[in-house]
Full PDB file with SEQRES, HELIX, SHEET, SSBOND, CRYST1, ORIGX, SCALE, CONECT and MASTER records, all heavy atoms in Angstrom:
SEQRES   1 A   38  ALA THR PRO GLU ASP VAL THR VAL VAL VAL TRP PRO GLY          
SEQRES   2 A   38  TRP ARG MET GLU GLU ILE ALA GLU SER LEU PRO THR THR          
SEQRES   3 A   38  GLY LEU ASP ILE THR PRO ASP GLU PHE VAL ALA ALA              
HELIX    1 AA1 MET A   16  SER A   22  1                                   7    
HELIX    2 AA2 LEU A   23  THR A   25  5                                   3    
HELIX    3 AA3 PRO A   32  ALA A   37  1                                   6    
CRYST1    1.000    1.000    1.000  90.00  90.00  90.00 P 1           1          
ORIGX1      1.000000  0.000000  0.000000        0.00000                         
ORIGX2      0.000000  1.000000  0.000000        0.00000                         
ORIGX3      0.000000  0.000000  1.000000        0.00000                         
SCALE1      1.000000  0.000000  0.000000        0.00000                         
SCALE2      0.000000  1.000000  0.000000        0.00000                         
SCALE3      0.000000  0.000000  1.000000        0.00000                         
ATOM      1  N   ALA A   1       6.497 -17.205 -10.119  1.00  0.00           N  
ATOM      2  CA  ALA A   1       6.093 -16.202 -11.109  1.00  0.00           C  
ATOM      3  C   ALA A   1       5.858 -14.858 -10.432  1.00  0.00           C  
ATOM      4  O   ALA A   1       4.778 -14.303 -10.456  1.00  0.00           O  
ATOM      5  CB  ALA A   1       4.853 -16.633 -11.851  1.00  0.00           C  
ATOM      6  N   THR A   2       6.876 -14.332  -9.780  1.00  0.00           N  
ATOM      7  CA  THR A   2       6.752 -13.023  -9.129  1.00  0.00           C  
ATOM      8  C   THR A   2       6.653 -11.954 -10.213  1.00  0.00           C  
ATOM      9  O   THR A   2       7.605 -11.755 -10.992  1.00  0.00           O  
ATOM     10  CB  THR A   2       7.957 -12.754  -8.232  1.00  0.00           C  
ATOM     11  OG1 THR A   2       8.049 -13.791  -7.260  1.00  0.00           O  
ATOM     12  CG2 THR A   2       7.787 -11.432  -7.508  1.00  0.00           C  
ATOM     13  N   PRO A   3       5.536 -11.228 -10.296  1.00  0.00           N  
ATOM     14  CA  PRO A   3       5.398 -10.226 -11.359  1.00  0.00           C  
ATOM     15  C   PRO A   3       6.337  -9.051 -11.168  1.00  0.00           C  
ATOM     16  O   PRO A   3       6.700  -8.715 -10.030  1.00  0.00           O  
ATOM     17  CB  PRO A   3       3.919  -9.799 -11.245  1.00  0.00           C  
ATOM     18  CG  PRO A   3       3.579 -10.083  -9.810  1.00  0.00           C  
ATOM     19  CD  PRO A   3       4.352 -11.294  -9.432  1.00  0.00           C  
ATOM     20  N   GLU A   4       6.726  -8.435 -12.253  1.00  0.00           N  
ATOM     21  CA  GLU A   4       7.576  -7.244 -12.191  1.00  0.00           C  
ATOM     22  C   GLU A   4       6.798  -6.057 -11.654  1.00  0.00           C  
ATOM     23  O   GLU A   4       7.352  -5.182 -10.990  1.00  0.00           O  
ATOM     24  CB  GLU A   4       8.121  -6.927 -13.566  1.00  0.00           C  
ATOM     25  CG  GLU A   4       9.029  -7.988 -14.161  1.00  0.00           C  
ATOM     26  CD  GLU A   4       9.467  -7.619 -15.546  1.00  0.00           C  
ATOM     27  OE1 GLU A   4       9.642  -6.420 -15.830  1.00  0.00           O  
ATOM     28  OE2 GLU A   4       9.623  -8.537 -16.390  1.00  0.00           O  
ATOM     29  N   ASP A   5       5.495  -6.009 -11.948  1.00  0.00           N  
ATOM     30  CA  ASP A   5       4.648  -4.904 -11.536  1.00  0.00           C  
ATOM     31  C   ASP A   5       3.646  -5.372 -10.517  1.00  0.00           C  
ATOM     32  O   ASP A   5       3.261  -6.544 -10.485  1.00  0.00           O  
ATOM     33  CB  ASP A   5       3.939  -4.296 -12.743  1.00  0.00           C  
ATOM     34  CG  ASP A   5       4.909  -3.687 -13.754  1.00  0.00           C  
ATOM     35  OD1 ASP A   5       5.941  -3.158 -13.323  1.00  0.00           O  
ATOM     36  OD2 ASP A   5       4.607  -3.719 -14.961  1.00  0.00           O  
ATOM     37  N   VAL A   6       3.210  -4.417  -9.686  1.00  0.00           N  
ATOM     38  CA  VAL A   6       2.170  -4.714  -8.708  1.00  0.00           C  
ATOM     39  C   VAL A   6       1.052  -3.694  -8.874  1.00  0.00           C  
ATOM     40  O   VAL A   6       1.225  -2.624  -9.501  1.00  0.00           O  
ATOM     41  CB  VAL A   6       2.710  -4.653  -7.267  1.00  0.00           C  
ATOM     42  CG1 VAL A   6       3.830  -5.646  -7.079  1.00  0.00           C  
ATOM     43  CG2 VAL A   6       3.203  -3.247  -6.934  1.00  0.00           C  
ATOM     44  N   THR A   7      -0.129  -4.006  -8.324  1.00  0.00           N  
ATOM     45  CA  THR A   7      -1.272  -3.101  -8.423  1.00  0.00           C  
ATOM     46  C   THR A   7      -1.606  -2.582  -7.033  1.00  0.00           C  
ATOM     47  O   THR A   7      -1.757  -3.334  -6.089  1.00  0.00           O  
ATOM     48  CB  THR A   7      -2.497  -3.847  -9.000  1.00  0.00           C  
ATOM     49  OG1 THR A   7      -2.148  -4.320 -10.316  1.00  0.00           O  
ATOM     50  CG2 THR A   7      -3.686  -2.911  -9.106  1.00  0.00           C  
ATOM     51  N   VAL A   8      -1.710  -1.257  -6.950  1.00  0.00           N  
ATOM     52  CA  VAL A   8      -2.090  -0.574  -5.715  1.00  0.00           C  
ATOM     53  C   VAL A   8      -3.413   0.138  -5.961  1.00  0.00           C  
ATOM     54  O   VAL A   8      -3.545   0.895  -6.916  1.00  0.00           O  
ATOM     55  CB  VAL A   8      -1.018   0.423  -5.268  1.00  0.00           C  
ATOM     56  CG1 VAL A   8      -1.501   1.188  -4.028  1.00  0.00           C  
ATOM     57  CG2 VAL A   8       0.298  -0.265  -5.000  1.00  0.00           C  
ATOM     58  N   VAL A   9      -4.396  -0.155  -5.125  1.00  0.00           N  
ATOM     59  CA  VAL A   9      -5.729   0.483  -5.269  1.00  0.00           C  
ATOM     60  C   VAL A   9      -5.943   1.418  -4.076  1.00  0.00           C  
ATOM     61  O   VAL A   9      -5.818   0.978  -2.932  1.00  0.00           O  
ATOM     62  CB  VAL A   9      -6.844  -0.564  -5.336  1.00  0.00           C  
ATOM     63  CG1 VAL A   9      -8.205   0.121  -5.445  1.00  0.00           C  
ATOM     64  CG2 VAL A   9      -6.612  -1.478  -6.544  1.00  0.00           C  
ATOM     65  N   VAL A  10      -6.268   2.658  -4.371  1.00  0.00           N  
ATOM     66  CA  VAL A  10      -6.628   3.638  -3.333  1.00  0.00           C  
ATOM     67  C   VAL A  10      -8.099   3.996  -3.549  1.00  0.00           C  
ATOM     68  O   VAL A  10      -8.466   4.521  -4.604  1.00  0.00           O  
ATOM     69  CB  VAL A  10      -5.743   4.910  -3.447  1.00  0.00           C  
ATOM     70  CG1 VAL A  10      -6.206   5.964  -2.408  1.00  0.00           C  
ATOM     71  CG2 VAL A  10      -4.282   4.549  -3.248  1.00  0.00           C  
ATOM     72  N   TRP A  11      -8.931   3.709  -2.552  1.00  0.00           N  
ATOM     73  CA  TRP A  11     -10.358   3.924  -2.670  1.00  0.00           C  
ATOM     74  C   TRP A  11     -10.718   5.360  -2.249  1.00  0.00           C  
ATOM     75  O   TRP A  11     -10.145   5.872  -1.284  1.00  0.00           O  
ATOM     76  CB  TRP A  11     -11.138   2.939  -1.828  1.00  0.00           C  
ATOM     77  CG  TRP A  11     -11.107   1.552  -2.398  1.00  0.00           C  
ATOM     78  CD1 TRP A  11     -10.314   0.526  -1.987  1.00  0.00           C  
ATOM     79  CD2 TRP A  11     -11.859   1.057  -3.506  1.00  0.00           C  
ATOM     80  NE1 TRP A  11     -10.527  -0.607  -2.765  1.00  0.00           N  
ATOM     81  CE2 TRP A  11     -11.484  -0.298  -3.696  1.00  0.00           C  
ATOM     82  CE3 TRP A  11     -12.822   1.608  -4.343  1.00  0.00           C  
ATOM     83  CZ2 TRP A  11     -12.036  -1.084  -4.705  1.00  0.00           C  
ATOM     84  CZ3 TRP A  11     -13.376   0.819  -5.334  1.00  0.00           C  
ATOM     85  CH2 TRP A  11     -12.977  -0.486  -5.499  1.00  0.00           C  
ATOM     86  N   PRO A  12     -11.663   6.014  -2.928  1.00  0.00           N  
ATOM     87  CA  PRO A  12     -12.123   7.328  -2.510  1.00  0.00           C  
ATOM     88  C   PRO A  12     -12.632   7.285  -1.072  1.00  0.00           C  
ATOM     89  O   PRO A  12     -13.353   6.367  -0.698  1.00  0.00           O  
ATOM     90  CB  PRO A  12     -13.245   7.643  -3.501  1.00  0.00           C  
ATOM     91  CG  PRO A  12     -12.970   6.794  -4.700  1.00  0.00           C  
ATOM     92  CD  PRO A  12     -12.370   5.544  -4.157  1.00  0.00           C  
ATOM     93  N   GLY A  13     -12.251   8.279  -0.298  1.00  0.00           N  
ATOM     94  CA  GLY A  13     -12.725   8.357   1.084  1.00  0.00           C  
ATOM     95  C   GLY A  13     -11.812   7.712   2.106  1.00  0.00           C  
ATOM     96  O   GLY A  13     -12.045   7.836   3.315  1.00  0.00           O  
ATOM     97  N   TRP A  14     -10.760   7.028   1.652  1.00  0.00           N  
ATOM     98  CA  TRP A  14      -9.794   6.464   2.580  1.00  0.00           C  
ATOM     99  C   TRP A  14      -8.955   7.566   3.174  1.00  0.00           C  
ATOM    100  O   TRP A  14      -8.568   8.530   2.498  1.00  0.00           O  
ATOM    101  CB  TRP A  14      -8.867   5.479   1.887  1.00  0.00           C  
ATOM    102  CG  TRP A  14      -9.378   4.082   1.864  1.00  0.00           C  
ATOM    103  CD1 TRP A  14     -10.558   3.601   2.358  1.00  0.00           C  
ATOM    104  CD2 TRP A  14      -8.672   2.935   1.315  1.00  0.00           C  
ATOM    105  NE1 TRP A  14     -10.638   2.237   2.151  1.00  0.00           N  
ATOM    106  CE2 TRP A  14      -9.506   1.812   1.521  1.00  0.00           C  
ATOM    107  CE3 TRP A  14      -7.461   2.768   0.682  1.00  0.00           C  
ATOM    108  CZ2 TRP A  14      -9.141   0.523   1.113  1.00  0.00           C  
ATOM    109  CZ3 TRP A  14      -7.083   1.498   0.253  1.00  0.00           C  
ATOM    110  CH2 TRP A  14      -7.926   0.392   0.464  1.00  0.00           C  
ATOM    111  N   ARG A  15      -8.620   7.465   4.461  1.00  0.00           N  
ATOM    112  CA  ARG A  15      -7.591   8.319   5.048  1.00  0.00           C  
ATOM    113  C   ARG A  15      -6.263   7.606   4.862  1.00  0.00           C  
ATOM    114  O   ARG A  15      -6.202   6.431   4.506  1.00  0.00           O  
ATOM    115  CB  ARG A  15      -7.902   8.595   6.520  1.00  0.00           C  
ATOM    116  CG  ARG A  15      -8.149   7.389   7.381  1.00  0.00           C  
ATOM    117  CD  ARG A  15      -8.679   7.756   8.753  1.00  0.00           C  
ATOM    118  NE  ARG A  15      -7.647   8.329   9.600  1.00  0.00           N  
ATOM    119  CZ  ARG A  15      -7.902   8.948  10.758  1.00  0.00           C  
ATOM    120  NH1 ARG A  15      -9.148   9.074  11.198  1.00  0.00           N  
ATOM    121  NH2 ARG A  15      -6.912   9.460  11.488  1.00  0.00           N  
ATOM    122  N   MET A  16      -5.165   8.334   5.110  1.00  0.00           N  
ATOM    123  CA  MET A  16      -3.854   7.774   4.748  1.00  0.00           C  
ATOM    124  C   MET A  16      -3.562   6.470   5.491  1.00  0.00           C  
ATOM    125  O   MET A  16      -2.872   5.591   4.952  1.00  0.00           O  
ATOM    126  CB  MET A  16      -2.756   8.814   5.001  1.00  0.00           C  
ATOM    127  CG  MET A  16      -2.472   9.075   6.454  1.00  0.00           C  
ATOM    128  SD  MET A  16      -0.992  10.092   6.693  1.00  0.00           S  
ATOM    129  CE  MET A  16      -1.555  11.654   6.027  1.00  0.00           C  
ATOM    130  N   GLU A  17      -4.066   6.319   6.705  1.00  0.00           N  
ATOM    131  CA  GLU A  17      -3.833   5.086   7.450  1.00  0.00           C  
ATOM    132  C   GLU A  17      -4.470   3.882   6.768  1.00  0.00           C  
ATOM    133  O   GLU A  17      -3.943   2.773   6.850  1.00  0.00           O  
ATOM    134  CB  GLU A  17      -4.344   5.206   8.873  1.00  0.00           C  
ATOM    135  CG  GLU A  17      -3.585   6.176   9.758  1.00  0.00           C  
ATOM    136  CD  GLU A  17      -4.086   7.610   9.639  1.00  0.00           C  
ATOM    137  OE1 GLU A  17      -4.949   7.878   8.769  1.00  0.00           O  
ATOM    138  OE2 GLU A  17      -3.624   8.444  10.445  1.00  0.00           O  
ATOM    139  N   GLU A  18      -5.608   4.080   6.100  1.00  0.00           N  
ATOM    140  CA  GLU A  18      -6.257   2.985   5.418  1.00  0.00           C  
ATOM    141  C   GLU A  18      -5.465   2.589   4.170  1.00  0.00           C  
ATOM    142  O   GLU A  18      -5.408   1.419   3.807  1.00  0.00           O  
ATOM    143  CB  GLU A  18      -7.694   3.374   5.058  1.00  0.00           C  
ATOM    144  CG  GLU A  18      -8.581   3.505   6.290  1.00  0.00           C  
ATOM    145  CD  GLU A  18      -9.992   3.993   5.950  1.00  0.00           C  
ATOM    146  OE1 GLU A  18     -10.113   5.209   5.625  1.00  0.00           O  
ATOM    147  OE2 GLU A  18     -10.921   3.200   6.016  1.00  0.00           O  
ATOM    148  N   ILE A  19      -4.898   3.579   3.491  1.00  0.00           N  
ATOM    149  CA  ILE A  19      -4.027   3.270   2.362  1.00  0.00           C  
ATOM    150  C   ILE A  19      -2.843   2.441   2.856  1.00  0.00           C  
ATOM    151  O   ILE A  19      -2.465   1.429   2.272  1.00  0.00           O  
ATOM    152  CB  ILE A  19      -3.526   4.559   1.686  1.00  0.00           C  
ATOM    153  CG1 ILE A  19      -4.704   5.397   1.167  1.00  0.00           C  
ATOM    154  CG2 ILE A  19      -2.554   4.215   0.534  1.00  0.00           C  
ATOM    155  CD1 ILE A  19      -4.288   6.767   0.633  1.00  0.00           C  
ATOM    156  N   ALA A  20      -2.283   2.902   3.980  1.00  0.00           N  
ATOM    157  CA  ALA A  20      -1.105   2.238   4.561  1.00  0.00           C  
ATOM    158  C   ALA A  20      -1.436   0.780   4.890  1.00  0.00           C  
ATOM    159  O   ALA A  20      -0.617  -0.125   4.633  1.00  0.00           O  
ATOM    160  CB  ALA A  20      -0.640   2.975   5.803  1.00  0.00           C  
ATOM    161  N   GLU A  21      -2.591   0.527   5.466  1.00  0.00           N  
ATOM    162  CA  GLU A  21      -2.960  -0.829   5.872  1.00  0.00           C  
ATOM    163  C   GLU A  21      -3.117  -1.771   4.678  1.00  0.00           C  
ATOM    164  O   GLU A  21      -2.997  -2.986   4.835  1.00  0.00           O  
ATOM    165  CB  GLU A  21      -4.264  -0.785   6.670  1.00  0.00           C  
ATOM    166  CG  GLU A  21      -4.108  -0.189   8.062  1.00  0.00           C  
ATOM    167  CD  GLU A  21      -5.432  -0.004   8.763  1.00  0.00           C  
ATOM    168  OE1 GLU A  21      -6.488  -0.159   8.099  1.00  0.00           O  
ATOM    169  OE2 GLU A  21      -5.433   0.314   9.982  1.00  0.00           O  
ATOM    170  N   SER A  22      -3.380  -1.225   3.493  1.00  0.00           N  
ATOM    171  CA  SER A  22      -3.568  -2.072   2.308  1.00  0.00           C  
ATOM    172  C   SER A  22      -2.252  -2.490   1.688  1.00  0.00           C  
ATOM    173  O   SER A  22      -2.217  -3.447   0.878  1.00  0.00           O  
ATOM    174  CB  SER A  22      -4.412  -1.335   1.272  1.00  0.00           C  
ATOM    175  OG  SER A  22      -3.646  -0.318   0.621  1.00  0.00           O  
ATOM    176  N   LEU A  23      -1.148  -1.831   2.027  1.00  0.00           N  
ATOM    177  CA  LEU A  23       0.114  -2.049   1.296  1.00  0.00           C  
ATOM    178  C   LEU A  23       0.721  -3.438   1.492  1.00  0.00           C  
ATOM    179  O   LEU A  23       1.307  -3.966   0.543  1.00  0.00           O  
ATOM    180  CB  LEU A  23       1.123  -0.961   1.699  1.00  0.00           C  
ATOM    181  CG  LEU A  23       0.731   0.465   1.270  1.00  0.00           C  
ATOM    182  CD1 LEU A  23       1.787   1.457   1.748  1.00  0.00           C  
ATOM    183  CD2 LEU A  23       0.567   0.547  -0.239  1.00  0.00           C  
ATOM    184  N   PRO A  24       0.619  -4.055   2.672  1.00  0.00           N  
ATOM    185  CA  PRO A  24       1.249  -5.388   2.801  1.00  0.00           C  
ATOM    186  C   PRO A  24       0.721  -6.444   1.834  1.00  0.00           C  
ATOM    187  O   PRO A  24       1.388  -7.431   1.588  1.00  0.00           O  
ATOM    188  CB  PRO A  24       0.918  -5.771   4.263  1.00  0.00           C  
ATOM    189  CG  PRO A  24       0.808  -4.463   4.968  1.00  0.00           C  
ATOM    190  CD  PRO A  24       0.168  -3.549   3.968  1.00  0.00           C  
ATOM    191  N   THR A  25      -0.469  -6.240   1.281  1.00  0.00           N  
ATOM    192  CA  THR A  25      -1.023  -7.226   0.323  1.00  0.00           C  
ATOM    193  C   THR A  25      -0.702  -6.874  -1.128  1.00  0.00           C  
ATOM    194  O   THR A  25      -1.116  -7.613  -2.023  1.00  0.00           O  
ATOM    195  CB  THR A  25      -2.549  -7.320   0.495  1.00  0.00           C  
ATOM    196  OG1 THR A  25      -3.147  -6.057   0.180  1.00  0.00           O  
ATOM    197  CG2 THR A  25      -2.903  -7.702   1.931  1.00  0.00           C  
ATOM    198  N   THR A  26      -0.010  -5.760  -1.377  1.00  0.00           N  
ATOM    199  CA  THR A  26       0.225  -5.339  -2.758  1.00  0.00           C  
ATOM    200  C   THR A  26       1.471  -5.965  -3.375  1.00  0.00           C  
ATOM    201  O   THR A  26       1.578  -6.026  -4.599  1.00  0.00           O  
ATOM    202  CB  THR A  26       0.367  -3.828  -2.834  1.00  0.00           C  
ATOM    203  OG1 THR A  26       1.546  -3.409  -2.083  1.00  0.00           O  
ATOM    204  CG2 THR A  26      -0.867  -3.131  -2.261  1.00  0.00           C  
ATOM    205  N   GLY A  27       2.421  -6.383  -2.543  1.00  0.00           N  
ATOM    206  CA  GLY A  27       3.692  -6.871  -3.074  1.00  0.00           C  
ATOM    207  C   GLY A  27       4.799  -5.835  -3.000  1.00  0.00           C  
ATOM    208  O   GLY A  27       5.949  -6.114  -3.293  1.00  0.00           O  
ATOM    209  N   LEU A  28       4.462  -4.592  -2.584  1.00  0.00           N  
ATOM    210  CA  LEU A  28       5.494  -3.567  -2.386  1.00  0.00           C  
ATOM    211  C   LEU A  28       6.165  -3.789  -1.047  1.00  0.00           C  
ATOM    212  O   LEU A  28       5.560  -4.191  -0.065  1.00  0.00           O  
ATOM    213  CB  LEU A  28       4.854  -2.160  -2.417  1.00  0.00           C  
ATOM    214  CG  LEU A  28       4.309  -1.659  -3.751  1.00  0.00           C  
ATOM    215  CD1 LEU A  28       3.686  -0.286  -3.577  1.00  0.00           C  
ATOM    216  CD2 LEU A  28       5.401  -1.611  -4.804  1.00  0.00           C  
ATOM    217  N   ASP A  29       7.455  -3.479  -1.035  1.00  0.00           N  
ATOM    218  CA  ASP A  29       8.217  -3.621   0.200  1.00  0.00           C  
ATOM    219  C   ASP A  29       8.151  -2.301   0.988  1.00  0.00           C  
ATOM    220  O   ASP A  29       9.171  -1.622   1.202  1.00  0.00           O  
ATOM    221  CB  ASP A  29       9.664  -4.002  -0.107  1.00  0.00           C  
ATOM    222  CG  ASP A  29      10.475  -4.335   1.124  1.00  0.00           C  
ATOM    223  OD1 ASP A  29       9.860  -4.615   2.179  1.00  0.00           O  
ATOM    224  OD2 ASP A  29      11.710  -4.293   1.060  1.00  0.00           O  
ATOM    225  N   ILE A  30       6.922  -1.924   1.384  1.00  0.00           N  
ATOM    226  CA  ILE A  30       6.688  -0.687   2.120  1.00  0.00           C  
ATOM    227  C   ILE A  30       5.807  -1.040   3.291  1.00  0.00           C  
ATOM    228  O   ILE A  30       4.714  -1.596   3.147  1.00  0.00           O  
ATOM    229  CB  ILE A  30       5.972   0.361   1.236  1.00  0.00           C  
ATOM    230  CG1 ILE A  30       6.826   0.707   0.008  1.00  0.00           C  
ATOM    231  CG2 ILE A  30       5.695   1.626   2.037  1.00  0.00           C  
ATOM    232  CD1 ILE A  30       6.117   1.620  -0.987  1.00  0.00           C  
ATOM    233  N   THR A  31       6.242  -0.682   4.491  1.00  0.00           N  
ATOM    234  CA  THR A  31       5.454  -0.969   5.666  1.00  0.00           C  
ATOM    235  C   THR A  31       4.421   0.131   5.881  1.00  0.00           C  
ATOM    236  O   THR A  31       4.606   1.281   5.400  1.00  0.00           O  
ATOM    237  CB  THR A  31       6.323  -1.052   6.930  1.00  0.00           C  
ATOM    238  OG1 THR A  31       6.873   0.247   7.225  1.00  0.00           O  
ATOM    239  CG2 THR A  31       7.450  -2.051   6.736  1.00  0.00           C  
ATOM    240  N   PRO A  32       3.299  -0.160   6.576  1.00  0.00           N  
ATOM    241  CA  PRO A  32       2.319   0.880   6.858  1.00  0.00           C  
ATOM    242  C   PRO A  32       2.931   2.084   7.565  1.00  0.00           C  
ATOM    243  O   PRO A  32       2.602   3.234   7.256  1.00  0.00           O  
ATOM    244  CB  PRO A  32       1.304   0.154   7.726  1.00  0.00           C  
ATOM    245  CG  PRO A  32       1.379  -1.268   7.270  1.00  0.00           C  
ATOM    246  CD  PRO A  32       2.817  -1.491   6.971  1.00  0.00           C  
ATOM    247  N   ASP A  33       3.812   1.848   8.545  1.00  0.00           N  
ATOM    248  CA  ASP A  33       4.403   2.955   9.273  1.00  0.00           C  
ATOM    249  C   ASP A  33       5.269   3.844   8.364  1.00  0.00           C  
ATOM    250  O   ASP A  33       5.254   5.074   8.508  1.00  0.00           O  
ATOM    251  CB  ASP A  33       5.284   2.410  10.413  1.00  0.00           C  
ATOM    252  CG  ASP A  33       4.463   1.850  11.564  1.00  0.00           C  
ATOM    253  OD1 ASP A  33       3.235   2.122  11.607  1.00  0.00           O  
ATOM    254  OD2 ASP A  33       5.030   1.131  12.397  1.00  0.00           O  
ATOM    255  N   GLU A  34       5.972   3.225   7.430  1.00  0.00           N  
ATOM    256  CA  GLU A  34       6.781   4.009   6.485  1.00  0.00           C  
ATOM    257  C   GLU A  34       5.907   4.907   5.629  1.00  0.00           C  
ATOM    258  O   GLU A  34       6.231   6.082   5.371  1.00  0.00           O  
ATOM    259  CB  GLU A  34       7.594   3.077   5.585  1.00  0.00           C  
ATOM    260  CG  GLU A  34       8.763   2.382   6.296  1.00  0.00           C  
ATOM    261  CD  GLU A  34       9.437   1.338   5.414  1.00  0.00           C  
ATOM    262  OE1 GLU A  34       8.776   0.858   4.465  1.00  0.00           O  
ATOM    263  OE2 GLU A  34      10.597   1.013   5.678  1.00  0.00           O  
ATOM    264  N   PHE A  35       4.755   4.366   5.172  1.00  0.00           N  
ATOM    265  CA  PHE A  35       3.888   5.151   4.346  1.00  0.00           C  
ATOM    266  C   PHE A  35       3.271   6.324   5.112  1.00  0.00           C  
ATOM    267  O   PHE A  35       3.238   7.458   4.611  1.00  0.00           O  
ATOM    268  CB  PHE A  35       2.774   4.287   3.752  1.00  0.00           C  
ATOM    269  CG  PHE A  35       1.851   5.068   2.861  1.00  0.00           C  
ATOM    270  CD1 PHE A  35       2.177   5.319   1.530  1.00  0.00           C  
ATOM    271  CD2 PHE A  35       0.630   5.583   3.349  1.00  0.00           C  
ATOM    272  CE1 PHE A  35       1.317   6.066   0.718  1.00  0.00           C  
ATOM    273  CE2 PHE A  35      -0.211   6.296   2.537  1.00  0.00           C  
ATOM    274  CZ  PHE A  35       0.131   6.540   1.212  1.00  0.00           C  
ATOM    275  N   VAL A  36       2.781   6.068   6.327  1.00  0.00           N  
ATOM    276  CA  VAL A  36       2.178   7.142   7.128  1.00  0.00           C  
ATOM    277  C   VAL A  36       3.197   8.234   7.400  1.00  0.00           C  
ATOM    278  O   VAL A  36       2.889   9.423   7.337  1.00  0.00           O  
ATOM    279  CB  VAL A  36       1.607   6.573   8.433  1.00  0.00           C  
ATOM    280  CG1 VAL A  36       1.175   7.707   9.361  1.00  0.00           C  
ATOM    281  CG2 VAL A  36       0.387   5.670   8.122  1.00  0.00           C  
ATOM    282  N   ALA A  37       4.446   7.845   7.694  1.00  0.00           N  
ATOM    283  CA  ALA A  37       5.491   8.826   7.939  1.00  0.00           C  
ATOM    284  C   ALA A  37       5.763   9.681   6.698  1.00  0.00           C  
ATOM    285  O   ALA A  37       5.915  10.924   6.803  1.00  0.00           O  
ATOM    286  CB  ALA A  37       6.770   8.138   8.407  1.00  0.00           C  
ATOM    287  N   ALA A  38       5.811   9.033   5.545  1.00  0.00           N  
ATOM    288  CA  ALA A  38       6.107   9.777   4.305  1.00  0.00           C  
ATOM    289  C   ALA A  38       4.931  10.656   3.872  1.00  0.00           C  
ATOM    290  O   ALA A  38       5.116  11.803   3.511  1.00  0.00           O  
ATOM    291  CB  ALA A  38       6.468   8.786   3.205  1.00  0.00           C  
TER     292      ALA A  38                                                      
MASTER        0    0    0    3    0    0    0    6  291    1    0    3          
END                                                                             
């Protein structure tokens, strides 16, 4: 039952690296390094 949509949570006070570190658990096919670069 792979959902069509995923949920991404960005907490106030996070720096971009912390957002990046959370992505592997969201279901998005985005690596932390890709996010930091973008």
